[in-house]
Protein backbone atom coordinates (compact mmCIF):
# COMPACT_ATOMS: atom_id res chain seq x y z
CA MET A 1 -19.03 20.13 -3.29
CA THR A 2 -15.53 21.58 -2.43
CA ASP A 3 -12.55 21.89 -4.85
CA ALA A 4 -10.57 18.91 -3.76
CA SER A 5 -7.16 21.04 -5.06
CA ALA A 6 -8.61 23.64 -2.18
CA ALA A 7 -8.55 21.02 0.72
CA LEU A 8 -4.94 20.57 1.06
CA SER A 9 -2.33 23.32 0.08
CA ASP A 10 1.14 21.93 -1.36
CA ASP A 11 2.59 25.44 -0.02
CA PRO A 12 3.38 25.00 4.01
CA ARG A 13 3.72 28.44 4.30
CA ARG A 14 -0.38 28.85 3.38
CA GLU A 15 -1.47 26.01 5.97
CA LEU A 16 0.06 27.94 8.70
CA ALA A 17 -1.21 31.08 7.44
CA GLU A 18 -4.73 29.93 7.50
CA PHE A 19 -3.96 27.88 10.71
CA LEU A 20 -2.96 31.57 12.34
CA ARG A 21 -5.80 33.00 10.59
CA THR A 22 -8.66 30.67 11.86
CA ARG A 23 -7.41 30.67 15.66
CA ARG A 24 -7.14 34.71 15.42
CA THR A 25 -10.88 35.25 14.26
CA ARG A 26 -12.56 32.31 16.95
CA LEU A 27 -10.96 34.69 20.14
CA ARG A 28 -12.54 37.71 21.22
CA PRO A 29 -11.04 40.48 22.63
CA GLN A 30 -12.45 40.13 26.10
CA ASP A 31 -11.12 36.35 26.45
CA VAL A 32 -7.53 37.64 26.34
CA GLY A 33 -8.45 41.19 28.60
CA LEU A 34 -9.35 44.06 25.60
CA GLU A 35 -12.03 46.08 25.35
CA PRO A 36 -14.13 44.54 22.64
CA GLY A 37 -14.76 48.71 21.36
CA PRO A 38 -17.64 50.36 19.41
CA ARG A 39 -18.01 49.62 16.17
CA ARG A 40 -16.13 46.55 15.78
CA ARG A 41 -16.28 45.25 12.34
CA VAL A 42 -14.13 41.91 12.31
CA ALA A 43 -14.28 38.62 13.83
CA GLY A 44 -12.31 37.89 16.63
CA LEU A 45 -8.85 39.46 17.12
CA ARG A 46 -7.00 42.24 14.98
CA ARG A 47 -4.12 41.38 13.49
CA GLU A 48 -2.75 44.24 15.01
CA GLU A 49 -4.01 43.29 18.44
CA LEU A 50 -2.50 39.84 18.34
CA ALA A 51 0.54 41.23 17.37
CA LEU A 52 0.53 43.40 20.52
CA LEU A 53 -0.27 40.59 22.80
CA ALA A 54 2.52 38.77 21.38
CA GLY A 55 5.12 40.66 21.39
CA VAL A 56 5.85 41.41 17.43
CA SER A 57 5.59 43.54 14.76
CA SER A 58 2.08 43.92 12.85
CA ASP A 59 3.63 44.23 9.63
CA TYR A 60 5.80 41.01 10.59
CA TYR A 61 2.85 39.29 11.89
CA GLN A 62 0.83 40.14 8.55
CA ARG A 63 3.04 38.72 6.39
CA MET A 64 2.81 35.43 8.41
CA GLU A 65 -0.91 35.52 7.72
CA GLN A 66 -0.41 36.49 3.98
CA GLY A 67 1.82 33.13 3.83
CA ARG A 68 4.78 35.03 2.94
CA ASP A 69 8.14 33.95 3.21
CA VAL A 70 8.92 34.65 7.10
CA ARG A 71 10.60 32.23 9.17
CA PRO A 72 9.60 32.93 12.68
CA SER A 73 11.94 31.93 15.94
CA GLU A 74 10.90 29.36 18.47
CA GLN A 75 10.28 32.29 21.13
CA VAL A 76 7.77 33.98 18.82
CA LEU A 77 5.97 30.99 17.93
CA ASP A 78 5.89 30.39 21.81
CA ALA A 79 4.55 34.11 22.24
CA LEU A 80 1.88 33.59 19.84
CA ALA A 81 0.55 30.31 21.30
CA ARG A 82 0.58 32.60 24.61
CA ALA A 83 -1.41 35.16 23.03
CA LEU A 84 -3.84 32.90 21.08
CA ASN A 85 -4.35 30.55 24.39
CA PHE A 86 -3.11 27.54 22.67
CA SER A 87 -3.49 24.24 24.13
CA ALA A 88 -0.48 21.83 24.17
CA GLU A 89 -2.20 20.07 21.17
CA GLU A 90 -2.28 23.50 19.23
CA SER A 91 1.11 24.94 20.19
CA ARG A 92 2.92 21.58 18.93
CA HIS A 93 0.98 22.02 15.24
CA LEU A 94 1.92 25.37 15.28
CA HIS A 95 5.52 24.01 15.84
CA SER A 96 4.89 21.46 12.88
CA LEU A 97 3.66 23.62 10.54
CA ALA A 98 5.96 26.09 11.06
CA ALA A 99 9.14 23.48 10.56
CA ALA A 100 7.72 22.54 7.71
CA ALA A 101 7.49 25.96 5.91
CA ARG A 102 10.78 26.15 6.84
CA THR A 103 11.71 23.30 4.82
CA PRO A 104 12.72 23.39 1.40
CA ALA A 105 10.49 21.94 -1.14
CA ARG A 106 10.51 18.23 -1.78
CA SER A 107 10.02 16.35 -5.13
CA PRO A 108 6.71 14.14 -5.30
CA ARG A 109 7.49 10.91 -4.13
CA PRO A 110 5.59 7.36 -4.82
CA TYR A 111 3.17 6.25 -2.03
CA VAL A 112 4.41 3.20 -0.12
CA PRO A 113 1.49 1.49 1.57
CA GLU A 114 1.82 1.12 5.50
CA GLU A 115 2.18 -2.36 6.71
CA VAL A 116 1.70 -3.96 9.85
CA PRO A 117 4.33 -5.71 11.51
CA ASP A 118 4.51 -9.44 11.99
CA THR A 119 5.06 -8.70 15.73
CA THR A 120 1.66 -6.53 16.06
CA LEU A 121 -0.68 -9.44 14.30
CA ARG A 122 0.90 -11.71 16.84
CA LEU A 123 -0.52 -9.47 19.40
CA LEU A 124 -3.75 -9.17 17.91
CA ARG A 125 -4.26 -12.70 17.64
CA THR A 126 -3.54 -13.04 21.72
CA MET A 127 -6.55 -10.29 22.17
CA THR A 128 -9.95 -10.44 23.22
CA SER A 129 -11.19 -7.01 23.42
CA PRO A 130 -12.00 -4.70 19.60
CA ALA A 131 -8.64 -3.69 19.10
CA LEU A 132 -7.84 -1.87 15.31
CA VAL A 133 -4.49 -0.92 13.74
CA VAL A 134 -4.95 2.57 12.34
CA GLY A 135 -2.31 4.27 10.00
CA ARG A 136 -1.15 7.49 10.13
CA PHE A 137 -4.49 8.96 8.11
CA LEU A 138 -6.79 6.51 9.64
CA ASP A 139 -6.71 3.65 7.30
CA VAL A 140 -7.58 0.65 8.92
CA LEU A 141 -4.81 -1.86 8.54
CA ALA A 142 -5.91 -4.95 10.54
CA TRP A 143 -8.47 -5.67 13.17
CA THR A 144 -9.71 -8.68 15.57
CA PRO A 145 -12.73 -10.31 14.88
CA LEU A 146 -14.70 -8.49 17.41
CA ALA A 147 -13.77 -5.21 16.34
CA GLY A 148 -15.02 -6.80 12.88
CA ALA A 149 -18.10 -7.28 14.61
CA LEU A 150 -18.27 -3.84 15.62
CA LEU A 151 -17.48 -2.60 12.56
CA GLY A 152 -19.69 -4.92 10.46
CA GLU A 153 -20.16 -4.45 6.58
CA PHE A 154 -17.32 -1.51 6.66
CA THR A 155 -14.68 -4.68 6.58
CA HIS A 156 -15.78 -5.57 3.31
CA GLN A 157 -15.03 -2.07 1.58
CA PRO A 158 -12.30 -2.13 -0.67
CA GLN A 159 -9.11 -1.19 0.81
CA ALA A 160 -9.16 2.64 -0.02
CA ARG A 161 -12.21 3.28 1.57
CA ARG A 162 -11.44 1.44 4.56
CA ASN A 163 -10.61 4.69 6.81
CA LEU A 164 -11.89 5.87 9.78
CA LEU A 165 -13.46 9.24 8.92
CA SER A 166 -15.08 7.60 5.46
CA LEU A 167 -16.85 5.18 7.97
CA PHE A 168 -18.20 7.80 10.11
CA LEU A 169 -18.51 9.86 7.52
CA ASN A 170 -21.29 7.73 5.58
CA PRO A 171 -25.14 9.00 7.10
CA GLU A 172 -25.80 5.49 7.59
CA ALA A 173 -23.45 5.85 10.32
CA ASP A 174 -26.16 7.97 12.34
CA GLN A 175 -27.87 5.04 12.96
CA VAL A 176 -25.48 3.08 14.86
CA CYS A 177 -22.87 5.56 16.49
CA PRO A 178 -25.76 8.96 17.85
CA LYS A 179 -22.29 10.94 18.45
CA ARG A 180 -20.86 10.36 14.90
CA ALA A 181 -20.84 13.99 14.14
CA ALA A 182 -19.02 14.66 17.55
CA THR A 183 -16.74 11.19 16.18
CA VAL A 184 -16.31 13.10 12.61
CA ALA A 185 -14.87 15.92 14.34
CA GLU A 186 -12.48 14.71 16.38
CA LEU A 187 -11.39 12.47 13.64
CA THR A 188 -10.90 15.39 11.12
CA GLY A 189 -8.55 16.94 14.00
CA MET A 190 -6.44 13.70 14.15
CA LEU A 191 -5.75 14.02 10.74
CA ARG A 192 -4.93 17.71 10.65
CA THR A 193 -2.52 16.85 12.93
CA GLN A 194 -0.64 13.72 11.23
CA VAL A 195 -0.81 15.87 7.73
CA ALA A 196 1.17 18.54 9.74
CA ALA A 197 3.72 16.15 10.64
CA ASP A 198 4.01 15.07 6.67
CA PRO A 199 3.00 17.48 4.39
CA GLY A 200 2.73 16.11 0.56
CA ASN A 201 2.58 12.64 1.89
CA PRO A 202 0.69 10.87 -1.30
CA ARG A 203 -2.06 9.29 0.25
CA ALA A 204 -2.40 12.28 2.58
CA VAL A 205 -3.32 14.59 -0.44
CA GLU A 206 -5.25 11.67 -1.81
CA LEU A 207 -7.19 11.30 1.35
CA VAL A 208 -8.40 14.89 1.72
CA GLY A 209 -9.70 15.54 -1.69
CA GLU A 210 -11.59 12.92 -1.69
CA LEU A 211 -13.22 13.48 1.34
CA ALA A 212 -13.61 16.88 0.55
CA VAL A 213 -15.62 16.32 -2.79
CA ARG A 214 -17.56 13.79 -1.15
CA SER A 215 -18.65 15.69 1.95
CA ASP A 216 -19.40 18.67 2.81
CA GLU A 217 -19.64 18.14 5.95
CA PHE A 218 -15.58 17.21 6.05
CA ALA A 219 -15.06 19.90 3.98
CA ALA A 220 -16.28 22.62 6.68
CA LEU A 221 -14.68 20.72 9.54
CA TRP A 222 -11.44 20.95 7.37
CA ALA A 223 -11.55 24.73 6.72
CA ARG A 224 -11.69 25.14 10.60
CA HIS A 225 -8.14 23.72 11.12
CA ASP A 226 -9.05 21.98 14.26
CA VAL A 227 -6.40 19.58 15.71
CA GLU A 228 -6.47 16.55 17.96
CA GLU A 229 -4.34 13.94 18.85
CA PRO A 230 -5.00 10.08 19.11
CA VAL A 231 -5.01 9.12 22.86
CA ARG A 232 -8.02 8.04 24.58
CA GLY A 233 -11.85 8.81 24.15
CA GLN A 234 -15.37 7.38 24.09
CA MET A 235 -17.67 5.88 21.40
CA ARG A 236 -21.00 4.55 21.76
CA ILE A 237 -22.87 1.90 19.19
CA ASP A 238 -26.21 0.96 18.57
CA HIS A 239 -25.16 -2.77 17.50
CA PRO A 240 -28.09 -4.52 15.98
CA LEU A 241 -27.31 -7.58 17.93
CA VAL A 242 -26.49 -6.90 21.09
CA GLY A 243 -27.91 -3.18 21.43
CA GLU A 244 -26.11 0.02 23.14
CA LEU A 245 -22.40 0.04 23.62
CA ASN A 246 -20.65 2.12 25.72
CA LEU A 247 -16.79 1.63 25.10
CA ASP A 248 -13.85 3.80 26.00
CA TRP A 249 -10.48 3.81 23.59
CA ASP A 250 -6.69 3.91 24.01
CA ALA A 251 -4.24 4.61 21.10
CA TYR A 252 -1.09 2.84 21.72
CA PRO A 253 1.89 3.86 19.45
CA ILE A 254 3.11 0.92 17.74
CA PRO A 255 7.21 0.93 17.49
CA GLY A 256 8.28 2.45 14.17
CA ASN A 257 8.79 6.65 14.16
CA PRO A 258 6.05 7.73 12.27
CA GLY A 259 4.09 4.31 12.31
CA PRO A 260 0.59 3.03 12.90
CA VAL A 261 -1.37 2.87 15.83
CA LEU A 262 -3.17 0.52 18.16
CA PHE A 263 -6.60 0.80 18.72
CA VAL A 264 -8.24 -1.14 21.88
CA CYS A 265 -11.50 -0.52 23.31
CA THR A 266 -12.66 -1.56 26.67
CA ALA A 267 -15.94 -1.53 28.86
CA ALA A 268 -15.72 -1.09 32.21
CA GLU A 269 -15.66 -4.02 34.64
CA ASN A 270 -18.98 -5.85 35.38
CA SER A 271 -21.12 -3.30 33.28
CA PRO A 272 -23.95 -3.89 31.19
CA ASP A 273 -21.92 -2.79 28.40
CA ALA A 274 -19.32 -5.35 29.32
CA GLU A 275 -22.06 -8.08 29.15
CA ARG A 276 -23.08 -7.28 25.85
CA LEU A 277 -19.88 -7.18 24.37
CA GLN A 278 -19.20 -10.53 26.18
CA LEU A 279 -22.47 -11.47 24.20
CA LEU A 280 -21.74 -10.47 21.08
CA ALA A 281 -17.99 -12.28 21.28
CA GLY A 282 -20.41 -15.08 22.30
CA LEU A 283 -21.46 -14.99 18.61
CA LEU A 284 -18.27 -15.00 16.73
CA SER A 285 -16.71 -17.72 15.58
CA PRO A 286 -13.18 -18.13 16.56
CA GLY A 287 -10.52 -17.07 13.90
CA PRO A 288 -7.25 -14.80 12.95
CA PRO A 289 -7.18 -11.19 13.10
CA SER A 290 -7.91 -9.55 9.77
CA ARG A 291 -6.05 -7.23 7.60
CA PRO A 292 -6.59 -5.86 3.89
């Protein structure tokens, strides 16, 4: 298994360096209009090629990839993002990492568990759809009864293990989620984005270290430095009581910055999935939303 100490660096400059390196090596010369040339020995672009495309000196860019104390301007970061064909999500992530690298190191602080506002719990009581309140680092903080029926035995896990990545990293999840591997990759990207916004958060350090030790799959995905933003997506579940369910999910930020997010699952109206979801709801006894 992977050494947990290497899973999440406590040096933001190293995180910035690793993100740039992984993105540079995945980009082929022909992707940016360059000729590959003969006898090429490196994967992706060379450092000097990227520096040329971004309009910065090779020495300056090399120091960035070495994690040295450089403080790139917003203009330099934007130029690098353009040269690397970054998505909007990746560009925001790059700026977050650079901002963290410019911020003086903070002393360790105690972990304060996230709480679900009473007003959000009231909202959950009115909802008939599967809905989850998910913390910044994908901890499941509260859920509606129908969401509990979809999650199954997961809701009975100890609070520290009640995390969406922990759920889908379980090999048995393949039996109920045929797209489990893709879901894990997406969730890992979401976690990476949140960690960049608050480097050194005790819960993030604990979670990433635990998952990296427990799962080679997570460790490999974490090393890729992919990023995702939780906005919307799709999930497929093979439920033991009602069969296959194809659901859409949307994420709604809860007031407070930063704060938990409300994930709501729905099915297309008058579809077989909506009928199965309604059947599952009919098998439940009414009750209030749950939380740890």
